[in-house]
Amino acid sequence: MALLLCLSASSIHAQTVRMVATVASVKPDASEIEIKPDKGDKVLVRLTTDSLVQKVAPGEKDLKHAEAIRATDIAAGDRVLVVLADGSQDIRRIVVMSAKDISGRDEADRQDWMRRGVAGVVTAKIGNEITLRVRSMAGTTQTTVVVSPATAFRRYAPDSVKFADALLSNSADVSLGDQLRARGTKSEDGSKITADDVVFGTFVTKVGSITAVNPDNREITISDLSSNQPLTIKFTADSQLKKMPDMAPTMAGGGPPGPGPGGPPGGGAPPDLSQMLEHMPATQLADLKPGEMIVVSSTKGARSDQVTAITLLANAGMLIRMASAQSGAPGRPQVSGPSLSGLSNGLGGVELPGMIP
């Protein structure tokens, strides 16, 4: 979307109003489009016979490649740059990035991160090599990430769960204990990856019992199990809410679930939630209830009494009890240490995904 902000001053009069926005609705009969600017309230703008309507592909960096489209091709959810004629709500120019094209691009990118990527906790940095501790259903392994001046680094911003808000960074900013995801060319045995892209950050995992639910403000309050203090958890459109299935029937046999999706491998190892979550049903904020145990991952924010949820796992009482047993502290799991990309150093080794590629 940065391209849409780079329209040259030579092509637009300095006093012309322009807005980067999302299309909220289209009223073809009235030739009107309701848009929600990134900054500000919704605005109704009008198409005229003189309006220039164009489209660019996601990732395109040159408006010379914009192609003319029909006004009827504009749809709700599209990202647009709107240039208004001086002193009016008439559209002089509208440049569209189709929501469908963006979704397709994002899904292809997500699949590429899954296929060519690795995620883990930084355990060492020597020269141009970063060592990660990587947990999977098969156990814990180490992977070496090789970086170079050509590697693109981004660091998650405090109090933001959006990858788009990640800030440009460099390898010097990566610290031990950080959570890191890299994408690039893997060695044959998968023990080393030469990174094209790296995203990292300091994340936290919080565990507690819900004390209040406020759907209007899109937030809940929990009693933080590690501190016994109230903690406000805020939700955005990017927050992922999942619900742990009832594990009581599985546990009735007297032991932890066996190997396979949703259960840990042999030996009672902590479950790999990054894989389990793929199969767990989504839930809604309105479905959360006081007294329910939850686990939430978040970026490390500026306030100690408030976090913004990346991933929240509801109905997590059984998981917390399992983690408590693994940590050797009955009734109080170890929840210290960061978590990213939804990985957690604490909670008895349980990993809760936060960054979804």
Protein backbone atom coordinates (compact mmCIF):
# COMPACT_ATOMS: atom_id res chain seq x y z
CA MET A 1 0.00 0.00 0.00
CA ALA A 2 3.01 2.26 0.36
CA LEU A 3 2.93 2.79 -3.40
CA LEU A 4 -0.36 4.60 -3.09
CA LEU A 5 1.31 7.11 -0.80
CA CYS A 6 4.03 7.86 -3.32
CA LEU A 7 2.00 9.67 -5.94
CA SER A 8 4.36 12.40 -7.09
CA ALA A 9 3.71 16.03 -6.27
CA SER A 10 4.20 16.87 -9.93
CA SER A 11 1.09 14.90 -10.88
CA ILE A 12 -1.16 16.26 -8.10
CA HIS A 13 -1.66 19.89 -7.16
CA ALA A 14 -0.25 20.64 -3.70
CA GLN A 15 -3.67 21.70 -2.37
CA THR A 16 -5.52 18.66 -3.68
CA VAL A 17 -7.09 16.45 -1.02
CA ARG A 18 -5.97 12.84 -1.17
CA MET A 19 -6.75 9.96 1.18
CA VAL A 20 -5.57 6.39 1.58
CA ALA A 21 -8.63 4.43 2.60
CA THR A 22 -10.66 1.23 2.53
CA VAL A 23 -13.89 1.08 0.55
CA ALA A 24 -16.77 0.68 3.03
CA SER A 25 -19.60 0.52 0.48
CA VAL A 26 -20.40 1.30 -3.14
CA LYS A 27 -23.60 2.99 -4.31
CA PRO A 28 -23.52 2.53 -8.09
CA ASP A 29 -26.95 4.11 -8.70
CA ALA A 30 -25.78 7.38 -7.16
CA SER A 31 -22.17 7.03 -8.39
CA GLU A 32 -21.06 7.33 -4.77
CA ILE A 33 -18.45 5.45 -2.77
CA GLU A 34 -18.23 5.44 1.01
CA ILE A 35 -14.62 5.17 2.15
CA LYS A 36 -12.96 4.84 5.56
CA PRO A 37 -9.66 6.73 5.55
CA ASP A 38 -6.80 5.24 7.55
CA LYS A 39 -7.02 8.40 9.64
CA GLY A 40 -10.46 9.86 10.19
CA ASP A 41 -14.16 9.07 9.87
CA LYS A 42 -16.01 7.66 6.88
CA VAL A 43 -16.36 9.95 3.87
CA LEU A 44 -18.80 9.87 0.94
CA VAL A 45 -17.13 10.68 -2.39
CA ARG A 46 -18.56 10.91 -5.89
CA LEU A 47 -17.53 9.52 -9.25
CA THR A 48 -17.98 11.78 -12.26
CA THR A 49 -17.53 11.31 -15.99
CA ASP A 50 -14.09 12.92 -15.57
CA SER A 51 -12.93 10.58 -12.78
CA LEU A 52 -9.82 8.55 -13.63
CA VAL A 53 -10.32 5.01 -12.28
CA GLN A 54 -7.24 2.77 -12.19
CA LYS A 55 -5.99 -0.42 -10.60
CA VAL A 56 -2.55 -1.60 -9.47
CA ALA A 57 -1.47 -5.03 -8.33
CA PRO A 58 -0.42 -5.55 -4.68
CA GLY A 59 3.31 -4.96 -4.43
CA GLU A 60 3.51 -2.90 -7.61
CA LYS A 61 5.95 -0.02 -7.15
CA ASP A 62 5.30 2.12 -10.22
CA LEU A 63 2.05 3.90 -11.06
CA LYS A 64 3.06 3.74 -14.69
CA HIS A 65 1.82 0.16 -14.53
CA ALA A 66 -1.65 1.21 -13.33
CA GLU A 67 -4.37 0.04 -15.69
CA ALA A 68 -7.75 1.61 -16.36
CA ILE A 69 -10.78 -0.22 -14.95
CA ARG A 70 -14.50 0.41 -14.79
CA ALA A 71 -15.98 2.14 -11.77
CA THR A 72 -18.24 -0.90 -11.35
CA ASP A 73 -15.13 -3.00 -10.63
CA ILE A 74 -14.64 -1.21 -7.30
CA ALA A 75 -15.87 -3.31 -4.35
CA ALA A 76 -16.18 -3.06 -0.59
CA GLY A 77 -12.92 -3.96 1.13
CA ASP A 78 -10.71 -2.64 -1.67
CA ARG A 79 -7.79 -0.43 -0.65
CA VAL A 80 -7.78 2.88 -2.51
CA LEU A 81 -5.97 6.15 -2.97
CA VAL A 82 -8.59 8.81 -3.60
CA VAL A 83 -7.66 12.20 -5.06
CA LEU A 84 -10.46 14.77 -4.84
CA ALA A 85 -11.02 17.76 -7.05
CA ASP A 86 -10.28 21.02 -5.25
CA GLY A 87 -13.09 22.13 -2.93
CA SER A 88 -15.43 19.23 -3.64
CA GLN A 89 -16.18 15.55 -2.94
CA ASP A 90 -15.78 14.70 -6.64
CA ILE A 91 -13.13 12.10 -7.39
CA ARG A 92 -10.40 13.29 -9.70
CA ARG A 93 -8.48 10.04 -9.51
CA ILE A 94 -8.94 6.75 -7.66
CA VAL A 95 -6.26 4.05 -7.62
CA VAL A 96 -7.50 0.66 -6.45
CA MET A 97 -5.83 -2.37 -4.91
CA SER A 98 -8.43 -5.13 -5.04
CA ALA A 99 -9.24 -6.82 -1.73
CA LYS A 100 -9.38 -10.12 -3.59
CA ASP A 101 -5.92 -9.58 -5.06
CA ILE A 102 -4.53 -8.53 -1.67
CA SER A 103 -6.03 -11.62 -0.03
CA GLY A 104 -4.53 -13.85 -2.73
CA ARG A 105 -1.14 -12.20 -2.34
CA ASP A 106 -1.25 -12.51 1.45
CA GLU A 107 -2.23 -16.18 1.31
CA ALA A 108 0.55 -16.96 -1.17
CA ASP A 109 2.99 -15.12 1.10
CA ARG A 110 1.74 -17.01 4.16
CA GLN A 111 2.21 -20.33 2.38
CA ASP A 112 5.71 -19.29 1.34
CA TRP A 113 6.62 -18.47 4.97
CA MET A 114 5.31 -21.88 5.98
CA ARG A 115 7.20 -23.68 3.22
CA ARG A 116 10.52 -21.82 3.36
CA GLY A 117 10.43 -20.57 6.93
CA VAL A 118 11.45 -21.50 10.45
CA ALA A 119 10.48 -20.03 13.82
CA GLY A 120 12.01 -20.28 17.26
CA VAL A 121 13.70 -18.67 20.24
CA VAL A 122 17.10 -17.01 19.80
CA THR A 123 19.68 -18.87 21.90
CA ALA A 124 22.96 -17.59 20.38
CA LYS A 125 24.42 -14.97 18.01
CA ILE A 126 27.88 -15.40 16.54
CA GLY A 127 28.95 -13.30 13.57
CA ASN A 128 26.36 -13.64 10.82
CA GLU A 129 24.73 -16.71 12.39
CA ILE A 130 21.74 -16.77 14.74
CA THR A 131 20.88 -20.01 16.53
CA LEU A 132 17.23 -20.81 17.20
CA ARG A 133 15.67 -23.33 19.54
CA VAL A 134 12.78 -24.78 17.55
CA ARG A 135 9.98 -26.86 19.06
CA SER A 136 7.82 -29.18 16.97
CA MET A 137 5.73 -32.30 17.45
CA ALA A 138 8.94 -34.28 16.95
CA GLY A 139 10.68 -32.53 19.85
CA THR A 140 13.15 -29.67 20.27
CA THR A 141 15.88 -29.01 17.70
CA GLN A 142 18.32 -26.24 16.79
CA THR A 143 18.38 -24.33 13.53
CA THR A 144 21.07 -21.91 12.35
CA VAL A 145 19.88 -18.77 10.55
CA VAL A 146 22.54 -17.26 8.30
CA VAL A 147 22.02 -13.55 7.62
CA SER A 148 23.73 -11.09 5.28
CA PRO A 149 23.49 -7.39 4.33
CA ALA A 150 20.79 -8.44 1.85
CA THR A 151 18.56 -9.93 4.58
CA ALA A 152 15.50 -7.76 5.28
CA PHE A 153 14.85 -7.35 9.04
CA ARG A 154 11.63 -6.19 10.67
CA ARG A 155 10.84 -5.94 14.38
CA TYR A 156 7.32 -6.08 15.81
CA ALA A 157 6.20 -2.74 17.23
CA PRO A 158 5.07 -2.45 20.88
CA ASP A 159 1.30 -2.75 21.36
CA SER A 160 0.68 -3.85 17.76
CA VAL A 161 -0.30 -7.29 16.50
CA LYS A 162 -0.05 -6.31 12.83
CA PHE A 163 2.84 -7.42 10.68
CA ALA A 164 2.25 -4.27 8.61
CA ASP A 165 3.25 -2.22 11.68
CA ALA A 166 6.57 -4.05 12.10
CA LEU A 167 9.47 -1.61 11.97
CA LEU A 168 12.57 -1.79 9.80
CA SER A 169 15.43 -3.16 11.84
CA ASN A 170 18.75 -5.00 11.61
CA SER A 171 20.58 -8.00 13.04
CA ALA A 172 22.18 -5.91 15.81
CA ASP A 173 18.73 -5.43 17.38
CA VAL A 174 18.15 -9.18 17.76
CA SER A 175 18.69 -10.27 21.38
CA LEU A 176 18.95 -13.60 23.14
CA GLY A 177 15.50 -14.75 24.16
CA ASP A 178 13.82 -12.90 21.30
CA GLN A 179 11.42 -14.86 19.17
CA LEU A 180 12.36 -14.93 15.49
CA ARG A 181 10.93 -16.17 12.22
CA ALA A 182 13.13 -16.43 9.13
CA ARG A 183 12.35 -17.21 5.49
CA GLY A 184 14.90 -18.27 2.91
CA THR A 185 16.78 -21.23 1.45
CA LYS A 186 17.01 -24.28 3.70
CA SER A 187 19.84 -26.80 3.77
CA GLU A 188 19.05 -30.35 2.73
CA ASP A 189 18.71 -31.56 6.32
CA GLY A 190 16.87 -28.42 7.44
CA SER A 191 19.44 -27.54 10.10
CA LYS A 192 20.44 -24.27 8.42
CA ILE A 193 18.57 -21.56 6.54
CA THR A 194 20.06 -18.67 4.56
CA ALA A 195 17.58 -15.89 5.29
CA ASP A 196 15.97 -13.54 2.80
CA ASP A 197 13.59 -12.12 5.42
CA VAL A 198 13.59 -12.02 9.22
CA VAL A 199 10.88 -10.78 11.57
CA PHE A 200 11.39 -10.81 15.33
CA GLY A 201 10.29 -9.25 18.57
CA THR A 202 9.74 -9.54 22.28
CA PHE A 203 6.45 -11.23 23.04
CA VAL A 204 4.81 -12.28 26.28
CA THR A 205 2.43 -15.06 27.24
CA LYS A 206 -0.14 -14.33 29.92
CA VAL A 207 -2.31 -16.83 31.75
CA GLY A 208 -5.29 -16.17 33.97
CA SER A 209 -8.95 -16.37 34.83
CA ILE A 210 -11.43 -13.96 33.21
CA THR A 211 -12.97 -11.55 35.72
CA ALA A 212 -14.88 -9.27 33.31
CA VAL A 213 -15.89 -9.15 29.63
CA ASN A 214 -16.56 -5.83 27.88
CA PRO A 215 -17.61 -6.50 24.24
CA ASP A 216 -18.39 -2.82 23.59
CA ASN A 217 -14.78 -1.82 24.31
CA ARG A 218 -13.45 -5.07 22.80
CA GLU A 219 -11.56 -6.03 25.93
CA ILE A 220 -11.57 -8.44 28.84
CA THR A 221 -9.99 -8.33 32.29
CA ILE A 222 -8.22 -11.30 33.81
CA SER A 223 -6.51 -12.07 37.09
CA ASP A 224 -2.92 -12.66 35.94
CA LEU A 225 -1.89 -16.03 37.37
CA SER A 226 1.77 -15.03 37.70
CA SER A 227 1.17 -11.77 39.58
CA ASN A 228 -2.39 -12.03 40.99
CA GLN A 229 -2.93 -8.54 39.52
CA PRO A 230 -5.70 -7.42 37.15
CA LEU A 231 -4.66 -7.37 33.48
CA THR A 232 -6.68 -5.80 30.65
CA ILE A 233 -6.53 -7.62 27.32
CA LYS A 234 -7.58 -5.58 24.29
CA PHE A 235 -8.64 -7.06 20.94
CA THR A 236 -8.29 -5.74 17.40
CA ALA A 237 -9.56 -7.04 14.07
CA ASP A 238 -6.25 -8.89 13.74
CA SER A 239 -6.52 -10.74 17.06
CA GLN A 240 -7.04 -14.49 16.71
CA LEU A 241 -9.41 -16.18 19.18
CA LYS A 242 -9.44 -19.96 19.48
CA LYS A 243 -11.16 -22.37 21.86
CA MET A 244 -9.51 -25.42 23.40
CA PRO A 245 -11.72 -28.51 23.00
CA ASP A 246 -12.88 -30.22 26.15
CA MET A 247 -10.06 -32.62 27.03
CA ALA A 248 -11.75 -34.17 30.08
CA PRO A 249 -12.97 -37.29 28.20
CA THR A 250 -9.46 -37.84 26.80
CA MET A 251 -7.88 -37.42 30.22
CA ALA A 252 -10.40 -39.73 31.92
CA GLY A 253 -8.19 -42.71 31.13
CA GLY A 254 -5.67 -41.45 33.67
CA GLY A 255 -2.95 -39.98 31.46
CA PRO A 256 -2.20 -37.26 28.94
CA PRO A 257 -3.35 -37.60 25.32
CA GLY A 258 -1.19 -39.68 23.06
CA PRO A 259 0.75 -38.77 19.93
CA GLY A 260 -0.90 -37.13 16.94
CA PRO A 261 -2.70 -33.88 16.13
CA GLY A 262 -3.94 -32.26 19.30
CA GLY A 263 -1.78 -34.36 21.60
CA PRO A 264 1.86 -34.46 22.57
CA PRO A 265 4.26 -37.09 21.38
CA GLY A 266 5.17 -39.98 23.65
CA GLY A 267 6.70 -39.34 27.02
CA GLY A 268 4.21 -36.68 28.13
CA ALA A 269 6.02 -33.82 26.38
CA PRO A 270 4.25 -30.45 26.33
CA PRO A 271 1.78 -30.16 23.44
CA ASP A 272 2.79 -28.20 20.34
CA LEU A 273 0.07 -25.55 20.25
CA SER A 274 1.36 -24.02 17.03
CA GLN A 275 0.14 -27.16 15.27
CA MET A 276 -2.87 -27.80 17.52
CA LEU A 277 -4.31 -24.34 16.89
CA GLU A 278 -4.63 -25.03 13.18
CA HIS A 279 -7.39 -27.52 14.02
CA MET A 280 -9.07 -25.68 16.89
CA PRO A 281 -12.38 -23.88 16.29
CA ALA A 282 -12.52 -20.10 16.32
CA THR A 283 -14.47 -18.38 19.07
CA GLN A 284 -15.87 -14.89 19.60
CA LEU A 285 -15.24 -12.25 22.24
CA ALA A 286 -18.92 -12.40 23.23
CA ASP A 287 -18.55 -16.13 23.96
CA LEU A 288 -15.90 -15.60 26.66
CA LYS A 289 -17.24 -15.92 30.22
CA PRO A 290 -16.04 -14.79 33.67
CA GLY A 291 -14.24 -17.61 35.44
CA GLU A 292 -12.90 -19.11 32.20
CA MET A 293 -9.16 -19.82 32.07
CA ILE A 294 -7.32 -18.36 29.07
CA VAL A 295 -3.82 -18.17 27.61
CA VAL A 296 -2.94 -15.13 25.50
CA SER A 297 0.13 -14.09 23.53
CA SER A 298 0.95 -10.44 22.91
CA THR A 299 3.69 -8.05 21.97
CA LYS A 300 5.45 -6.52 24.97
CA GLY A 301 3.65 -3.20 25.37
CA ALA A 302 4.34 0.05 27.12
CA ARG A 303 1.95 -0.68 30.03
CA SER A 304 2.32 -3.51 32.51
CA ASP A 305 -1.43 -3.69 33.18
CA GLN A 306 -2.58 -3.93 29.54
CA VAL A 307 -1.75 -6.00 26.47
CA THR A 308 -3.16 -6.36 22.97
CA ALA A 309 -3.99 -9.94 22.07
CA ILE A 310 -2.33 -11.64 19.13
CA THR A 311 -3.69 -15.10 19.88
CA LEU A 312 -6.05 -16.00 22.71
CA LEU A 313 -6.85 -19.58 23.65
CA ALA A 314 -10.06 -20.01 25.65
CA ASN A 315 -11.16 -22.97 27.78
CA ALA A 316 -7.50 -23.55 28.61
CA GLY A 317 -7.84 -24.90 32.15
CA MET A 318 -6.74 -28.44 31.27
CA LEU A 319 -3.77 -27.17 29.25
CA ILE A 320 -2.65 -24.97 32.17
CA ARG A 321 -2.86 -27.91 34.57
CA MET A 322 -0.77 -30.02 32.18
CA ALA A 323 1.79 -27.23 31.92
CA SER A 324 1.86 -26.89 35.71
CA ALA A 325 2.70 -30.57 36.03
CA GLN A 326 5.49 -30.24 33.43
CA SER A 327 6.97 -27.20 35.18
CA GLY A 328 6.99 -28.91 38.56
CA ALA A 329 4.94 -26.12 40.15
CA PRO A 330 1.44 -27.54 40.79
CA GLY A 331 -1.28 -24.95 40.48
CA ARG A 332 1.01 -22.22 39.12
CA PRO A 333 2.62 -22.67 35.70
CA GLN A 334 5.88 -20.97 34.84
CA VAL A 335 4.89 -18.05 32.64
CA SER A 336 8.00 -15.91 32.73
CA GLY A 337 9.88 -15.30 29.50
CA PRO A 338 8.86 -13.88 26.14
CA SER A 339 6.72 -15.45 23.47
CA LEU A 340 6.64 -14.58 19.82
CA SER A 341 5.31 -15.65 16.68
CA GLY A 342 3.64 -17.04 19.26
CA LEU A 343 6.27 -19.11 20.88
CA SER A 344 6.63 -19.23 24.64
CA ASN A 345 9.63 -19.89 26.82
CA GLY A 346 7.39 -20.31 29.81
CA LEU A 347 4.22 -22.17 30.68
CA GLY A 348 6.17 -25.37 31.05
CA GLY A 349 7.40 -25.21 27.47
CA VAL A 350 3.94 -24.84 25.93
CA GLU A 351 4.07 -22.80 22.71
CA LEU A 352 1.23 -20.41 21.82
CA PRO A 353 1.44 -18.95 18.31
CA GLY A 354 1.24 -15.18 18.09
CA MET A 355 2.69 -14.15 14.73
CA ILE A 356 0.76 -15.78 11.93
CA PRO A 357 2.78 -15.50 8.69
